[in-house]
C-alpha atoms as a PDB file:
ATOM      1  CA  MET A   1       0.000   0.000   0.000  1.00  0.00           C
ATOM      2  CA  ASN A   2       2.804   2.413   0.884  1.00  0.00           C
ATOM      3  CA  LEU A   3       4.530   1.793  -2.429  1.00  0.00           C
ATOM      4  CA  ILE A   4       1.327   2.559  -4.329  1.00  0.00           C
ATOM      5  CA  ILE A   5       0.912   5.858  -2.476  1.00  0.00           C
ATOM      6  CA  LEU A   6       4.530   6.777  -3.173  1.00  0.00           C
ATOM      7  CA  ILE A   7       4.199   5.983  -6.889  1.00  0.00           C
ATOM      8  CA  LEU A   8       0.996   8.035  -7.140  1.00  0.00           C
ATOM      9  CA  LEU A   9       2.642  11.018  -5.469  1.00  0.00           C
ATOM     10  CA  VAL A  10       5.619  10.841  -7.833  1.00  0.00           C
ATOM     11  CA  MET A  11       3.254  10.740 -10.800  1.00  0.00           C
ATOM     12  CA  LEU A  12       1.363  13.775  -9.475  1.00  0.00           C
ATOM     13  CA  VAL A  13       4.575  15.760  -9.043  1.00  0.00           C
ATOM     14  CA  VAL A  14       5.710  14.950 -12.583  1.00  0.00           C
ATOM     15  CA  GLY A  15       2.276  15.816 -13.975  1.00  0.00           C
ATOM     16  CA  ALA A  16       2.245  19.199 -12.239  1.00  0.00           C
ATOM     17  CA  LEU A  17       5.624  20.352 -13.592  1.00  0.00           C
ATOM     18  CA  PRO A  18       5.231  23.620 -15.519  1.00  0.00           C
ATOM     19  CA  SER A  19       6.942  22.192 -18.609  1.00  0.00           C
ATOM     20  CA  TRP A  20       3.712  20.434 -19.624  1.00  0.00           C
ATOM     21  CA  GLY A  21       1.293  22.357 -21.821  1.00  0.00           C
ATOM     22  CA  HIS A  22      -1.709  22.169 -19.516  1.00  0.00           C
ATOM     23  CA  SER A  23       0.172  23.504 -16.484  1.00  0.00           C
ATOM     24  CA  GLN A  24       2.416  26.252 -17.862  1.00  0.00           C
ATOM     25  CA  SER A  25       0.328  29.061 -16.387  1.00  0.00           C
ATOM     26  CA  TRP A  26       0.274  27.472 -12.914  1.00  0.00           C
ATOM     27  CA  GLY A  27       3.903  28.243 -12.132  1.00  0.00           C
ATOM     28  CA  TYR A  28       5.803  26.167  -9.588  1.00  0.00           C
ATOM     29  CA  ALA A  29       3.203  26.190  -6.792  1.00  0.00           C
ATOM     30  CA  PRO A  30       1.487  22.833  -7.551  1.00  0.00           C
ATOM     31  CA  SER A  31       4.703  20.915  -8.102  1.00  0.00           C
ATOM     32  CA  GLY A  32       6.259  22.566  -5.055  1.00  0.00           C
ATOM     33  CA  GLY A  33       3.312  21.640  -2.866  1.00  0.00           C
ATOM     34  CA  LEU A  34       3.199  18.093  -4.165  1.00  0.00           C
ATOM     35  CA  GLY A  35       6.967  17.866  -3.781  1.00  0.00           C
ATOM     36  CA  LEU A  36       6.606  18.843  -0.134  1.00  0.00           C
ATOM     37  CA  VAL A  37       3.939  16.174   0.391  1.00  0.00           C
ATOM     38  CA  LEU A  38       6.195  13.638  -1.337  1.00  0.00           C
ATOM     39  CA  LEU A  39       9.113  14.618   0.895  1.00  0.00           C
ATOM     40  CA  ILE A  40       7.004  14.215   4.037  1.00  0.00           C
ATOM     41  CA  VAL A  41       5.765  10.784   2.929  1.00  0.00           C
ATOM     42  CA  VAL A  42       9.312   9.629   2.137  1.00  0.00           C
ATOM     43  CA  VAL A  43      10.554  10.792   5.545  1.00  0.00           C
ATOM     44  CA  LEU A  44       7.659   9.000   7.259  1.00  0.00           C
ATOM     45  CA  LEU A  45       8.418   5.836   5.275  1.00  0.00           C
ATOM     46  CA  LEU A  46      12.097   5.965   6.209  1.00  0.00           C
ATOM     47  CA  THR A  47      11.358   6.479   9.892  1.00  0.00           C
ATOM     48  CA  GLY A  48       8.815   3.648   9.883  1.00  0.00           C
ATOM     49  CA  ARG A  49       5.850   5.722  10.995  1.00  0.00           C
ATOM     50  CA  LEU A  50       3.750   5.131   7.893  1.00  0.00           C
END
């Protein structure tokens, strides 16, 4: 289950990058926010709390 969540978060971060056509006007806010969520999940996985 944890691996599935991690893969989904990585896919969301890549999809929100401003280099894609649909997200160029968004700037870096969505990918930055999703990157932060991904970082928190990775830290929780490494510490064994998730």
